[in-house]
Amino acid sequence: MMCMSPTVVIVDDHPSFRAIARMLLEFDGWTVVGEAADGAGGVAAAGRLRPDMVLLDVNLPDTDGFAVAARITEASDAPAVVLVSSRDARDFGPLVGRSGARGFLSKADLSGPALRRLVA
């Protein structure tokens, strides 16, 4: 039987956030197919695992999430990308819109339903 729940890769340099995000999203019906701790790993995981969505932290150790989002979304069959940060969306001005991401969520507002609204 095929699993019809949406798939997601979580890219964040904090293992504790990845664990919390995984629990929240799996509880809300998402299937977490992979995780990465930096931008290079996130780009590789998105290409290899082909998720429906990539949950991508703005602040990564090797690059910023805006550059990673642009790399992931340049493919014609790219997954949806949603940027997350502990900071407010207003702190980033037009960067979210220019990155190719579908939108932005504060880490405090992360939930399966919130993600579904952004990628619907």
C-alpha atoms as a PDB file:
ATOM      1  CA  MET A   1       0.000   0.000   0.000  1.00  0.00           C
ATOM      2  CA  MET A   2       1.350   3.411  -0.962  1.00  0.00           C
ATOM      3  CA  CYS A   3       1.807   6.087   1.647  1.00  0.00           C
ATOM      4  CA  MET A   4      -0.050   9.214   0.575  1.00  0.00           C
ATOM      5  CA  SER A   5       1.171  11.543   3.282  1.00  0.00           C
ATOM      6  CA  PRO A   6       3.301  14.452   2.071  1.00  0.00           C
ATOM      7  CA  THR A   7       7.054  13.978   2.408  1.00  0.00           C
ATOM      8  CA  VAL A   8       9.486  16.464   3.897  1.00  0.00           C
ATOM      9  CA  VAL A   9      13.221  16.949   4.438  1.00  0.00           C
ATOM     10  CA  ILE A  10      14.186  19.033   7.486  1.00  0.00           C
ATOM     11  CA  VAL A  11      17.324  21.195   7.131  1.00  0.00           C
ATOM     12  CA  ASP A  12      18.511  22.807  10.360  1.00  0.00           C
ATOM     13  CA  ASP A  13      21.850  22.860  12.184  1.00  0.00           C
ATOM     14  CA  HIS A  14      20.250  22.199  15.592  1.00  0.00           C
ATOM     15  CA  PRO A  15      19.541  18.498  16.238  1.00  0.00           C
ATOM     16  CA  SER A  16      17.013  19.446  18.941  1.00  0.00           C
ATOM     17  CA  PHE A  17      14.956  21.522  16.476  1.00  0.00           C
ATOM     18  CA  ARG A  18      15.098  18.746  13.866  1.00  0.00           C
ATOM     19  CA  ALA A  19      13.803  16.272  16.465  1.00  0.00           C
ATOM     20  CA  ILE A  20      10.971  18.588  17.565  1.00  0.00           C
ATOM     21  CA  ALA A  21      10.024  19.419  13.953  1.00  0.00           C
ATOM     22  CA  ARG A  22      10.026  15.695  13.069  1.00  0.00           C
ATOM     23  CA  MET A  23       7.696  14.891  15.989  1.00  0.00           C
ATOM     24  CA  LEU A  24       5.327  17.776  15.198  1.00  0.00           C
ATOM     25  CA  LEU A  25       5.140  17.022  11.482  1.00  0.00           C
ATOM     26  CA  GLU A  26       4.804  13.251  11.832  1.00  0.00           C
ATOM     27  CA  PHE A  27       2.009  13.796  14.361  1.00  0.00           C
ATOM     28  CA  ASP A  28       0.253  15.982  11.753  1.00  0.00           C
ATOM     29  CA  GLY A  29       0.537  13.356   9.001  1.00  0.00           C
ATOM     30  CA  TRP A  30       3.781  14.293   7.227  1.00  0.00           C
ATOM     31  CA  THR A  31       6.446  11.691   6.447  1.00  0.00           C
ATOM     32  CA  VAL A  32       9.949  12.932   7.264  1.00  0.00           C
ATOM     33  CA  VAL A  33      12.176  11.238   4.673  1.00  0.00           C
ATOM     34  CA  GLY A  34      15.452  12.919   5.637  1.00  0.00           C
ATOM     35  CA  GLU A  35      17.337  15.529   7.587  1.00  0.00           C
ATOM     36  CA  ALA A  36      20.411  17.661   7.001  1.00  0.00           C
ATOM     37  CA  ALA A  37      22.491  19.889   9.278  1.00  0.00           C
ATOM     38  CA  ASP A  38      23.771  22.353   6.655  1.00  0.00           C
ATOM     39  CA  GLY A  39      22.979  23.856   3.273  1.00  0.00           C
ATOM     40  CA  ALA A  40      25.124  21.485   1.194  1.00  0.00           C
ATOM     41  CA  GLY A  41      23.501  18.507   2.899  1.00  0.00           C
ATOM     42  CA  GLY A  42      20.072  20.026   2.352  1.00  0.00           C
ATOM     43  CA  VAL A  43      20.622  20.497  -1.384  1.00  0.00           C
ATOM     44  CA  ALA A  44      21.949  16.923  -1.656  1.00  0.00           C
ATOM     45  CA  ALA A  45      19.061  15.462   0.388  1.00  0.00           C
ATOM     46  CA  ALA A  46      16.443  17.346  -1.652  1.00  0.00           C
ATOM     47  CA  GLY A  47      17.931  16.013  -4.890  1.00  0.00           C
ATOM     48  CA  ARG A  48      18.386  12.455  -3.648  1.00  0.00           C
ATOM     49  CA  LEU A  49      15.155  12.011  -1.669  1.00  0.00           C
ATOM     50  CA  ARG A  50      12.832  14.113  -3.852  1.00  0.00           C
ATOM     51  CA  PRO A  51      10.467  15.223  -1.061  1.00  0.00           C
ATOM     52  CA  ASP A  52       7.274  17.185  -1.580  1.00  0.00           C
ATOM     53  CA  MET A  53       8.662  19.906   0.668  1.00  0.00           C
ATOM     54  CA  VAL A  54      11.880  21.092   2.284  1.00  0.00           C
ATOM     55  CA  LEU A  55      11.664  22.785   5.679  1.00  0.00           C
ATOM     56  CA  LEU A  56      14.734  25.008   5.618  1.00  0.00           C
ATOM     57  CA  ASP A  57      16.340  27.051   8.387  1.00  0.00           C
ATOM     58  CA  VAL A  58      17.448  30.540   7.356  1.00  0.00           C
ATOM     59  CA  ASN A  59      20.645  30.429   9.461  1.00  0.00           C
ATOM     60  CA  LEU A  60      22.915  27.545   8.485  1.00  0.00           C
ATOM     61  CA  PRO A  61      26.613  27.068   9.292  1.00  0.00           C
ATOM     62  CA  ASP A  62      27.847  26.905   5.677  1.00  0.00           C
ATOM     63  CA  THR A  63      25.526  29.355   3.887  1.00  0.00           C
ATOM     64  CA  ASP A  64      22.191  31.077   4.388  1.00  0.00           C
ATOM     65  CA  GLY A  65      18.861  29.433   3.745  1.00  0.00           C
ATOM     66  CA  PHE A  66      17.966  31.947   1.041  1.00  0.00           C
ATOM     67  CA  ALA A  67      20.845  30.725  -1.155  1.00  0.00           C
ATOM     68  CA  VAL A  68      19.941  27.098  -0.440  1.00  0.00           C
ATOM     69  CA  ALA A  69      16.284  27.740  -1.331  1.00  0.00           C
ATOM     70  CA  ALA A  70      17.333  29.319  -4.621  1.00  0.00           C
ATOM     71  CA  ARG A  71      19.504  26.275  -5.462  1.00  0.00           C
ATOM     72  CA  ILE A  72      16.780  23.774  -4.577  1.00  0.00           C
ATOM     73  CA  THR A  73      13.992  25.598  -6.431  1.00  0.00           C
ATOM     74  CA  GLU A  74      15.882  26.131  -9.692  1.00  0.00           C
ATOM     75  CA  ALA A  75      14.992  22.597 -10.873  1.00  0.00           C
ATOM     76  CA  SER A  76      11.770  22.304 -12.895  1.00  0.00           C
ATOM     77  CA  ASP A  77      10.434  19.540 -10.612  1.00  0.00           C
ATOM     78  CA  ALA A  78      11.675  21.151  -7.399  1.00  0.00           C
ATOM     79  CA  PRO A  79       9.982  20.548  -4.063  1.00  0.00           C
ATOM     80  CA  ALA A  80       8.235  23.373  -2.281  1.00  0.00           C
ATOM     81  CA  VAL A  81      10.570  25.138   0.151  1.00  0.00           C
ATOM     82  CA  VAL A  82       9.408  26.746   3.382  1.00  0.00           C
ATOM     83  CA  LEU A  83      11.925  28.829   5.307  1.00  0.00           C
ATOM     84  CA  VAL A  84      11.943  28.812   9.118  1.00  0.00           C
ATOM     85  CA  SER A  85      13.729  30.912  11.702  1.00  0.00           C
ATOM     86  CA  SER A  86      13.474  31.849  15.332  1.00  0.00           C
ATOM     87  CA  ARG A  87      13.466  35.446  14.055  1.00  0.00           C
ATOM     88  CA  ASP A  88      10.452  37.249  12.609  1.00  0.00           C
ATOM     89  CA  ALA A  89       9.758  37.319   8.860  1.00  0.00           C
ATOM     90  CA  ARG A  90       9.982  41.133   8.905  1.00  0.00           C
ATOM     91  CA  ASP A  91      13.675  40.811   9.803  1.00  0.00           C
ATOM     92  CA  PHE A  92      14.377  39.431   6.331  1.00  0.00           C
ATOM     93  CA  GLY A  93      12.513  41.947   4.170  1.00  0.00           C
ATOM     94  CA  PRO A  94      12.254  40.869   0.510  1.00  0.00           C
ATOM     95  CA  LEU A  95      14.764  37.999   0.859  1.00  0.00           C
ATOM     96  CA  VAL A  96      12.065  35.368   1.412  1.00  0.00           C
ATOM     97  CA  GLY A  97      10.222  36.309  -1.780  1.00  0.00           C
ATOM     98  CA  ARG A  98      13.399  36.432  -3.863  1.00  0.00           C
ATOM     99  CA  SER A  99      14.633  33.018  -2.675  1.00  0.00           C
ATOM    100  CA  GLY A 100      12.092  30.892  -4.531  1.00  0.00           C
ATOM    101  CA  ALA A 101      10.597  29.679  -1.244  1.00  0.00           C
ATOM    102  CA  ARG A 102       6.824  29.310  -0.933  1.00  0.00           C
ATOM    103  CA  GLY A 103       6.864  31.175   2.319  1.00  0.00           C
ATOM    104  CA  PHE A 104       8.184  31.602   5.824  1.00  0.00           C
ATOM    105  CA  LEU A 105       7.180  30.342   9.257  1.00  0.00           C
ATOM    106  CA  SER A 106       8.600  31.290  12.593  1.00  0.00           C
ATOM    107  CA  LYS A 107       9.821  28.183  14.427  1.00  0.00           C
ATOM    108  CA  ALA A 108       7.295  28.936  17.172  1.00  0.00           C
ATOM    109  CA  ASP A 109       4.439  28.701  14.622  1.00  0.00           C
ATOM    110  CA  LEU A 110       5.565  25.443  12.988  1.00  0.00           C
ATOM    111  CA  SER A 111       2.775  22.907  12.507  1.00  0.00           C
ATOM    112  CA  GLY A 112       1.597  20.498   9.839  1.00  0.00           C
ATOM    113  CA  PRO A 113      -1.524  22.559   9.062  1.00  0.00           C
ATOM    114  CA  ALA A 114       0.553  25.775   8.780  1.00  0.00           C
ATOM    115  CA  LEU A 115       2.873  24.076   6.278  1.00  0.00           C
ATOM    116  CA  ARG A 116      -0.032  22.696   4.282  1.00  0.00           C
ATOM    117  CA  ARG A 117      -1.482  26.213   3.947  1.00  0.00           C
ATOM    118  CA  LEU A 118       1.839  27.487   2.553  1.00  0.00           C
ATOM    119  CA  VAL A 119       2.328  24.685   0.018  1.00  0.00           C
ATOM    120  CA  ALA A 120      -1.297  24.201  -1.069  1.00  0.00           C
END
